[in-house]
Amino acid sequence: MRAFEMARNWVAAGHNVTVITEVPNHPAGVIFPTYRNRLIVRDTIEGIDVIHVWVKTAKHKTSLTRILFYVTYMINAVISALVVTRLKYDLVFASSPPLFVGAAGALIATIRKIPLIFDVRDLWPSAAVQLGELGNKSAIIAAEALERYIYRKSQLIVPVTRGLYRELVKRGVPSDKLVTITNGTNTSVFQFDGQERKKWRDKFSVNESDCLVLYAGLLGLQYDLDSLLQTAKSLNSHKNIKFVIVGDGPKRLGIEQEIADSQMTNVELVSQQPMDHMPGIYSASDISIIPLREIDLFASTIPVKLFDSWACERPVILSSPMGEASSILEEANGGIHIQPGDTEQMIEEIRSLAANSDDRHKMGISGRDYVCKHFDRAVLANKLIDRLTRLHEEGD
């Protein structure tokens, strides 16, 4: 979403943008019907020239299937950039993770003799190691060498948080090679809508007098969804508190099984929704919950769903290590922070907010004001394009 919003705003500013991405397959690992049995599918989305390339997908994620996915993308992205796209480009912008996107960008930039800008959303492979996705020592050594190579090849590196900026400096990246451009949200799209609220609450069979707690996003390893389910189970007898979990991912089957085994009647599990449905779904909620795991990496992470929730005037319960996200939450006065895994406090805070609509409203409005001032994607995209323009002019 970050790359799309950046590209969309750059096109609106008069720039030509080509995006090379994989054929749609997320999160189930199954290529969408329209894109099957095709090496390349070309499209135009909001003025962006989009090239979808074939990748080796798999329903069941293992170290091998992930590597095959990344490598096939890297190879086909490079071929597409050199053979399919005949235009002369001024810059290559590669957004990671995965690190193989950066490798593809480095190869394209080297062959075409143009600058590489490396967008760092997570420190990979460190993130993969901490999440248990990468454990082979030889693979880790090779990935770290590739990471250092991409940093050296990049003319500009764009960390998404101040914490990532500091970590890159620690790793020896010169500070004049870094510019922090945070994540954000499209505040003209993500905003509270009363009609959409009623529509989605009707779909979820939730009364207006009930308190709806929402988790929306990837059902993946980085989120402490077990604590969320424990909380919902403990609140099952509170008939005025409902939970909706929206998303797909590797933990979905386990969540379905837990809901069934525990006979939770207060939780509805909804498949991943199109992005244009999400403002309405956020509007339908009364509390947005973001439960990150207790991993050091997340101290320098700011979840995008934090900004989307606030843009729709929803208060947030953030379960995360103390760090950048918790600091922003306090500064915005947009919700409540708790330590990861503290189910008792999560239960207590949900009960407290459920009983106090005035507090929820104040936090939601405060969060919206904060996002509009500091994290509007159009402003962030323009900030980055100004820096890229200077980089291009310096190279002429």
Protein backbone atom coordinates (compact mmCIF):
# COMPACT_ATOMS: atom_id res chain seq x y z
CA MET A 1 0.00 0.00 0.00
CA ARG A 2 2.88 2.38 0.78
CA ALA A 3 4.40 1.92 -2.68
CA PHE A 4 1.03 2.29 -4.41
CA GLU A 5 0.16 5.50 -2.58
CA MET A 6 3.60 6.93 -3.32
CA ALA A 7 3.30 6.01 -7.00
CA ARG A 8 -0.26 7.35 -7.27
CA ASN A 9 0.76 10.71 -5.82
CA TRP A 10 3.85 10.91 -8.06
CA VAL A 11 1.71 10.32 -11.15
CA ALA A 12 -0.69 13.03 -9.96
CA ALA A 13 2.30 15.37 -9.74
CA GLY A 14 3.13 14.73 -13.41
CA HIS A 15 5.79 12.00 -13.18
CA ASN A 16 5.88 8.75 -15.17
CA VAL A 17 5.87 5.67 -12.91
CA THR A 18 6.17 1.98 -13.78
CA VAL A 19 5.62 -0.59 -11.04
CA ILE A 20 6.88 -4.16 -11.39
CA THR A 21 5.08 -6.46 -8.98
CA GLU A 22 4.12 -10.12 -8.74
CA VAL A 23 0.87 -11.54 -10.09
CA PRO A 24 -1.83 -11.23 -7.38
CA ASN A 25 -1.71 -14.22 -5.02
CA HIS A 26 -1.78 -12.81 -1.48
CA PRO A 27 -2.48 -14.10 1.10
CA ALA A 28 -3.52 -17.63 0.10
CA GLY A 29 -0.53 -18.25 -2.19
CA VAL A 30 -2.83 -18.98 -5.13
CA ILE A 31 -2.54 -16.90 -8.30
CA PHE A 32 -5.79 -15.15 -9.15
CA PRO A 33 -7.61 -16.73 -12.14
CA THR A 34 -7.13 -13.80 -14.54
CA TYR A 35 -3.34 -13.96 -14.11
CA ARG A 36 -2.76 -17.71 -14.30
CA ASN A 37 -0.50 -19.28 -16.94
CA ARG A 38 0.88 -15.91 -18.01
CA LEU A 39 4.46 -14.75 -17.57
CA ILE A 40 3.60 -11.05 -17.74
CA VAL A 41 0.34 -9.13 -17.40
CA ARG A 42 0.40 -5.40 -18.08
CA ASP A 43 -2.16 -2.99 -16.68
CA THR A 44 -2.75 0.70 -15.92
CA ILE A 45 -4.00 1.62 -12.45
CA GLU A 46 -4.71 5.29 -11.69
CA GLY A 47 -2.16 6.32 -14.31
CA ILE A 48 0.53 3.92 -13.05
CA ASP A 49 2.01 1.51 -15.60
CA VAL A 50 1.84 -1.83 -13.74
CA ILE A 51 3.67 -4.96 -14.87
CA HIS A 52 2.64 -8.16 -13.05
CA VAL A 53 5.28 -10.89 -13.35
CA TRP A 54 4.88 -14.61 -12.74
CA VAL A 55 6.17 -16.00 -9.42
CA LYS A 56 6.35 -19.49 -7.98
CA THR A 57 3.60 -19.51 -5.34
CA ALA A 58 2.64 -22.07 -2.72
CA LYS A 59 -0.31 -22.48 -0.36
CA HIS A 60 1.93 -23.80 2.42
CA LYS A 61 4.81 -21.51 3.34
CA THR A 62 8.21 -23.06 4.03
CA SER A 63 11.74 -21.67 3.77
CA LEU A 64 12.08 -23.30 0.34
CA THR A 65 8.76 -22.02 -1.05
CA ARG A 66 9.55 -18.50 0.18
CA ILE A 67 12.96 -18.55 -1.48
CA LEU A 68 11.45 -19.80 -4.75
CA PHE A 69 8.82 -17.05 -4.59
CA TYR A 70 11.43 -14.33 -4.01
CA VAL A 71 13.93 -15.61 -6.59
CA THR A 72 11.36 -16.02 -9.37
CA TYR A 73 10.15 -12.49 -8.70
CA MET A 74 13.69 -11.13 -8.76
CA ILE A 75 14.55 -12.81 -12.08
CA ASN A 76 11.31 -11.86 -13.81
CA ALA A 77 11.37 -8.30 -12.47
CA VAL A 78 14.88 -7.75 -13.88
CA ILE A 79 13.93 -9.25 -17.26
CA SER A 80 10.79 -7.09 -17.41
CA ALA A 81 12.70 -3.92 -16.56
CA LEU A 82 15.30 -4.58 -19.24
CA VAL A 83 13.21 -6.13 -22.02
CA VAL A 84 9.53 -5.25 -21.57
CA THR A 85 9.94 -1.60 -20.54
CA ARG A 86 11.64 0.33 -23.31
CA LEU A 87 11.33 3.77 -21.74
CA LYS A 88 14.34 5.55 -20.29
CA TYR A 89 13.95 5.77 -16.53
CA ASP A 90 15.74 8.18 -14.26
CA LEU A 91 15.57 6.27 -10.97
CA VAL A 92 14.86 2.81 -9.53
CA PHE A 93 12.79 2.70 -6.33
CA ALA A 94 12.88 -0.70 -4.56
CA SER A 95 10.78 -1.33 -1.44
CA SER A 96 11.80 -4.06 1.02
CA PRO A 97 11.09 -6.54 2.54
CA PRO A 98 11.62 -8.93 0.97
CA LEU A 99 15.30 -8.23 0.38
CA PHE A 100 15.16 -9.79 -3.08
CA VAL A 101 13.21 -6.74 -4.26
CA GLY A 102 16.25 -4.67 -3.34
CA ALA A 103 18.48 -7.14 -5.18
CA ALA A 104 16.33 -6.81 -8.31
CA GLY A 105 16.47 -3.03 -8.01
CA ALA A 106 20.27 -3.08 -7.61
CA LEU A 107 20.70 -5.21 -10.75
CA ILE A 108 18.36 -3.01 -12.79
CA ALA A 109 20.04 0.18 -11.59
CA THR A 110 23.51 -1.19 -12.33
CA ILE A 111 22.65 -2.36 -15.85
CA ARG A 112 20.72 0.79 -16.72
CA LYS A 113 23.29 3.00 -14.98
CA ILE A 114 20.76 4.96 -12.95
CA PRO A 115 20.49 5.62 -9.17
CA LEU A 116 18.90 3.10 -6.79
CA ILE A 117 16.64 4.29 -3.98
CA PHE A 118 16.11 1.59 -1.36
CA ASP A 119 12.94 1.84 0.73
CA VAL A 120 13.41 0.01 4.06
CA ARG A 121 10.18 -0.96 5.83
CA ASP A 122 11.81 -3.67 7.96
CA LEU A 123 15.37 -4.80 8.57
CA TRP A 124 15.55 -8.03 6.64
CA PRO A 125 16.90 -10.66 7.32
CA SER A 126 16.83 -9.61 11.02
CA ALA A 127 13.03 -9.55 10.95
CA ALA A 128 12.79 -13.00 9.35
CA VAL A 129 15.20 -14.47 11.92
CA GLN A 130 13.31 -13.00 14.90
CA LEU A 131 9.97 -14.21 13.52
CA GLY A 132 11.35 -17.71 12.99
CA GLU A 133 10.98 -17.58 9.20
CA LEU A 134 14.73 -17.93 8.58
CA GLY A 135 16.93 -20.22 10.65
CA ASN A 136 19.55 -21.72 8.37
CA LYS A 137 22.93 -20.20 9.31
CA SER A 138 24.32 -20.28 5.78
CA ALA A 139 21.16 -18.62 4.45
CA ILE A 140 21.38 -15.92 7.13
CA ILE A 141 25.03 -15.17 6.31
CA ALA A 142 24.20 -14.96 2.59
CA ALA A 143 21.19 -12.71 3.25
CA GLU A 144 23.21 -10.36 5.44
CA ALA A 145 25.88 -10.10 2.73
CA LEU A 146 23.17 -9.28 0.18
CA GLU A 147 21.74 -6.66 2.56
CA ARG A 148 25.13 -4.94 2.87
CA TYR A 149 25.59 -5.05 -0.91
CA ILE A 150 22.26 -3.32 -1.52
CA TYR A 151 23.09 -0.62 1.04
CA ARG A 152 26.38 0.06 -0.76
CA LYS A 153 24.72 0.21 -4.19
CA SER A 154 21.96 2.58 -3.06
CA GLN A 155 22.34 6.29 -3.68
CA LEU A 156 19.57 6.94 -1.15
CA ILE A 157 18.05 4.76 1.59
CA VAL A 158 14.59 5.54 2.94
CA PRO A 159 13.81 4.07 6.39
CA VAL A 160 10.17 4.35 7.46
CA THR A 161 10.86 5.11 11.14
CA ARG A 162 13.40 7.00 13.22
CA GLY A 163 14.30 3.72 14.92
CA LEU A 164 15.23 2.13 11.59
CA TYR A 165 17.24 5.26 10.75
CA ARG A 166 19.24 4.88 13.96
CA GLU A 167 19.79 1.17 13.38
CA LEU A 168 21.07 1.78 9.84
CA VAL A 169 23.52 4.38 11.14
CA LYS A 170 24.71 1.81 13.71
CA ARG A 171 25.33 -0.58 10.83
CA GLY A 172 27.62 1.91 9.16
CA VAL A 173 25.28 3.53 6.63
CA PRO A 174 26.30 7.22 6.24
CA SER A 175 23.62 9.55 7.60
CA ASP A 176 23.76 11.74 4.47
CA LYS A 177 22.59 8.69 2.53
CA LEU A 178 19.42 8.41 4.64
CA VAL A 179 16.10 10.21 4.62
CA THR A 180 13.23 9.11 6.86
CA ILE A 181 9.82 9.00 5.19
CA THR A 182 7.28 7.45 7.54
CA ASN A 183 4.25 5.40 6.64
CA GLY A 184 0.93 7.17 6.69
CA THR A 185 -2.62 7.00 5.39
CA ASN A 186 -4.78 8.56 2.73
CA THR A 187 -6.83 10.90 4.90
CA SER A 188 -9.21 11.77 2.07
CA VAL A 189 -10.21 8.09 1.75
CA PHE A 190 -9.85 6.88 5.32
CA GLN A 191 -12.37 8.93 7.26
CA PHE A 192 -15.39 8.26 9.41
CA ASP A 193 -18.62 7.56 7.50
CA GLY A 194 -21.87 7.15 9.43
CA GLN A 195 -23.75 5.44 6.61
CA GLU A 196 -20.94 2.95 6.07
CA ARG A 197 -20.86 2.36 9.83
CA LYS A 198 -24.51 1.32 9.85
CA LYS A 199 -24.12 -0.86 6.74
CA TRP A 200 -21.20 -2.85 8.12
CA ARG A 201 -22.60 -3.15 11.63
CA ASP A 202 -25.75 -4.61 10.08
CA LYS A 203 -23.58 -7.10 8.16
CA PHE A 204 -21.80 -8.04 11.37
CA SER A 205 -25.14 -8.26 13.25
CA VAL A 206 -23.92 -5.73 15.81
CA ASN A 207 -26.33 -3.31 17.50
CA GLU A 208 -25.45 0.36 17.81
CA SER A 209 -25.50 -0.03 21.59
CA ASP A 210 -22.81 -2.74 21.40
CA CYS A 211 -19.07 -2.06 21.47
CA LEU A 212 -17.36 -3.52 18.41
CA VAL A 213 -13.64 -4.34 18.77
CA LEU A 214 -11.85 -4.68 15.43
CA TYR A 215 -8.63 -6.34 14.36
CA ALA A 216 -7.98 -5.80 10.65
CA GLY A 217 -4.87 -7.02 8.86
CA LEU A 218 -2.63 -9.94 8.14
CA LEU A 219 -3.22 -13.02 10.28
CA GLY A 220 0.52 -13.53 10.46
CA LEU A 221 3.41 -14.35 12.75
CA GLN A 222 4.14 -10.78 13.81
CA TYR A 223 0.80 -10.36 15.58
CA ASP A 224 -0.11 -11.78 18.98
CA LEU A 225 -3.48 -13.09 17.87
CA ASP A 226 -3.46 -15.75 20.59
CA SER A 227 -3.75 -13.03 23.25
CA LEU A 228 -6.55 -11.40 21.26
CA LEU A 229 -8.48 -14.67 21.17
CA GLN A 230 -7.85 -15.23 24.89
CA THR A 231 -9.27 -11.78 25.54
CA ALA A 232 -12.34 -12.45 23.40
CA LYS A 233 -12.87 -15.78 25.16
CA SER A 234 -12.72 -14.11 28.58
CA LEU A 235 -15.27 -11.51 27.45
CA ASN A 236 -17.62 -14.03 25.84
CA SER A 237 -20.17 -13.51 28.61
CA HIS A 238 -20.23 -9.72 28.03
CA LYS A 239 -23.01 -9.62 25.47
CA ASN A 240 -22.46 -5.96 24.61
CA ILE A 241 -18.82 -6.47 23.50
CA LYS A 242 -18.30 -8.02 20.05
CA PHE A 243 -15.10 -8.84 18.16
CA VAL A 244 -14.56 -8.81 14.40
CA ILE A 245 -11.30 -10.13 12.92
CA VAL A 246 -10.83 -9.15 9.27
CA GLY A 247 -8.02 -10.72 7.28
CA ASP A 248 -6.30 -13.80 5.95
CA GLY A 249 -2.90 -15.36 6.43
CA PRO A 250 -1.03 -18.35 7.83
CA LYS A 251 -2.76 -18.25 11.24
CA ARG A 252 -6.31 -18.19 9.89
CA LEU A 253 -7.00 -21.93 10.16
CA GLY A 254 -5.77 -21.98 13.75
CA ILE A 255 -7.99 -19.01 14.61
CA GLU A 256 -11.03 -20.69 13.05
CA GLN A 257 -10.32 -23.83 15.06
CA GLU A 258 -9.88 -21.92 18.31
CA ILE A 259 -13.15 -20.03 17.84
CA ALA A 260 -14.99 -23.30 17.19
CA ASP A 261 -13.33 -25.26 20.00
CA SER A 262 -13.90 -22.51 22.57
CA GLN A 263 -17.48 -21.93 21.40
CA MET A 264 -16.94 -18.19 21.20
CA THR A 265 -20.15 -16.53 20.07
CA ASN A 266 -18.76 -13.01 20.32
CA VAL A 267 -16.17 -13.30 17.51
CA GLU A 268 -16.76 -13.06 13.77
CA LEU A 269 -13.91 -13.97 11.42
CA VAL A 270 -14.16 -12.21 8.06
CA SER A 271 -12.00 -12.83 4.99
CA GLN A 272 -9.64 -10.13 3.73
CA GLN A 273 -11.62 -7.28 2.21
CA PRO A 274 -10.87 -4.96 -0.74
CA MET A 275 -9.12 -1.78 0.34
CA ASP A 276 -12.11 0.38 -0.57
CA HIS A 277 -14.18 -1.50 2.05
CA MET A 278 -11.77 -0.77 4.89
CA PRO A 279 -12.79 2.83 5.73
CA GLY A 280 -16.35 1.60 6.23
CA ILE A 281 -15.21 -1.35 8.34
CA TYR A 282 -13.07 0.90 10.53
CA SER A 283 -16.01 3.30 10.84
CA ALA A 284 -18.19 0.40 11.99
CA SER A 285 -15.84 -0.36 14.89
CA ASP A 286 -15.68 1.34 18.28
CA ILE A 287 -12.14 0.21 19.19
CA SER A 288 -9.29 -0.80 16.90
CA ILE A 289 -6.84 -3.26 18.42
CA ILE A 290 -3.24 -3.81 17.26
CA PRO A 291 -1.54 -6.70 19.11
CA LEU A 292 2.15 -6.94 18.19
CA ARG A 293 4.36 -9.69 19.60
CA GLU A 294 7.10 -9.06 22.17
CA ILE A 295 9.98 -8.82 19.69
CA ASP A 296 12.73 -6.19 19.93
CA LEU A 297 12.33 -5.44 16.22
CA PHE A 298 8.86 -4.01 16.85
CA ALA A 299 10.19 -1.27 19.12
CA SER A 300 11.09 0.60 15.90
CA THR A 301 7.92 -0.38 14.02
CA ILE A 302 4.85 1.80 13.41
CA PRO A 303 1.94 -0.32 12.10
CA VAL A 304 0.09 1.31 9.19
CA LYS A 305 -3.23 0.22 10.71
CA LEU A 306 -2.54 2.69 13.52
CA PHE A 307 -2.86 5.56 11.04
CA ASP A 308 -5.84 4.04 9.21
CA SER A 309 -7.68 3.61 12.52
CA TRP A 310 -7.06 7.19 13.59
CA ALA A 311 -7.99 8.59 10.19
CA CYS A 312 -11.42 6.99 10.74
CA GLU A 313 -11.57 8.49 14.26
CA ARG A 314 -11.19 5.14 16.00
CA PRO A 315 -9.36 4.89 19.35
CA VAL A 316 -6.59 2.28 19.41
CA ILE A 317 -5.48 -0.29 21.95
CA LEU A 318 -1.87 -0.92 21.00
CA SER A 319 -0.09 -3.95 22.44
CA SER A 320 3.59 -3.50 21.57
CA PRO A 321 7.10 -3.17 23.01
CA MET A 322 7.87 0.33 24.28
CA GLY A 323 9.21 2.29 21.33
CA GLU A 324 8.25 4.46 18.42
CA ALA A 325 4.62 3.37 18.05
CA SER A 326 3.88 3.71 21.77
CA SER A 327 5.49 7.18 21.78
CA ILE A 328 3.32 8.31 18.88
CA LEU A 329 0.23 6.88 20.57
CA GLU A 330 0.96 8.93 23.69
CA GLU A 331 1.76 12.07 21.69
CA ALA A 332 -1.46 11.75 19.68
CA ASN A 333 -3.56 10.91 22.76
CA GLY A 334 -5.27 8.46 20.45
CA GLY A 335 -5.60 5.38 22.59
CA ILE A 336 -4.06 3.09 25.20
CA HIS A 337 -0.76 1.22 25.21
CA ILE A 338 -0.26 -2.12 26.95
CA GLN A 339 2.62 -4.58 27.08
CA PRO A 340 2.48 -7.53 24.66
CA GLY A 341 0.85 -10.61 26.11
CA ASP A 342 -0.81 -8.78 29.01
CA THR A 343 -4.23 -10.29 28.48
CA GLU A 344 -5.59 -9.11 31.82
CA GLN A 345 -4.88 -5.46 31.00
CA MET A 346 -6.26 -5.90 27.48
CA ILE A 347 -9.51 -7.21 28.97
CA GLU A 348 -9.68 -4.35 31.47
CA GLU A 349 -9.00 -1.63 28.89
CA ILE A 350 -11.61 -3.00 26.48
CA ARG A 351 -14.19 -3.15 29.27
CA SER A 352 -13.32 0.40 30.34
CA LEU A 353 -13.55 1.87 26.83
CA ALA A 354 -16.69 -0.11 26.05
CA ALA A 355 -18.36 1.60 29.01
CA ASN A 356 -17.20 5.11 28.11
CA SER A 357 -18.19 6.37 24.66
CA ASP A 358 -16.99 9.92 25.49
CA ASP A 359 -13.42 8.71 26.02
CA ARG A 360 -13.57 6.72 22.78
CA HIS A 361 -14.80 9.76 20.87
CA LYS A 362 -12.12 12.09 22.28
CA MET A 363 -9.32 9.64 21.50
CA GLY A 364 -10.63 9.06 17.98
CA ILE A 365 -10.89 12.77 17.17
CA SER A 366 -7.44 13.41 18.64
CA GLY A 367 -5.98 10.60 16.54
CA ARG A 368 -7.57 11.98 13.37
CA ASP A 369 -6.17 15.46 14.01
CA TYR A 370 -2.70 14.03 14.64
CA VAL A 371 -2.66 11.94 11.46
CA CYS A 372 -3.86 14.82 9.29
CA LYS A 373 -1.02 16.98 10.61
CA HIS A 374 1.82 14.46 10.46
CA PHE A 375 1.02 11.33 8.45
CA ASP A 376 -0.94 12.24 5.32
CA ARG A 377 0.40 10.10 2.46
CA ALA A 378 0.14 12.88 -0.14
CA VAL A 379 2.40 15.12 1.96
CA LEU A 380 4.86 12.28 2.55
CA ALA A 381 4.94 11.37 -1.16
CA ASN A 382 5.71 14.97 -2.09
CA LYS A 383 8.47 15.12 0.52
CA LEU A 384 10.13 12.08 -1.01
CA ILE A 385 9.72 13.20 -4.63
CA ASP A 386 11.37 16.53 -3.73
CA ARG A 387 14.36 14.62 -2.38
CA LEU A 388 14.46 12.34 -5.45
CA THR A 389 14.30 15.33 -7.76
CA ARG A 390 17.34 16.85 -6.04
CA LEU A 391 19.16 13.53 -6.31
CA HIS A 392 18.41 13.34 -10.04
CA GLU A 393 19.52 16.95 -10.61
CA GLU A 394 22.75 16.37 -8.70
CA GLY A 395 23.51 13.43 -11.00
CA ASP A 396 23.01 15.41 -14.23
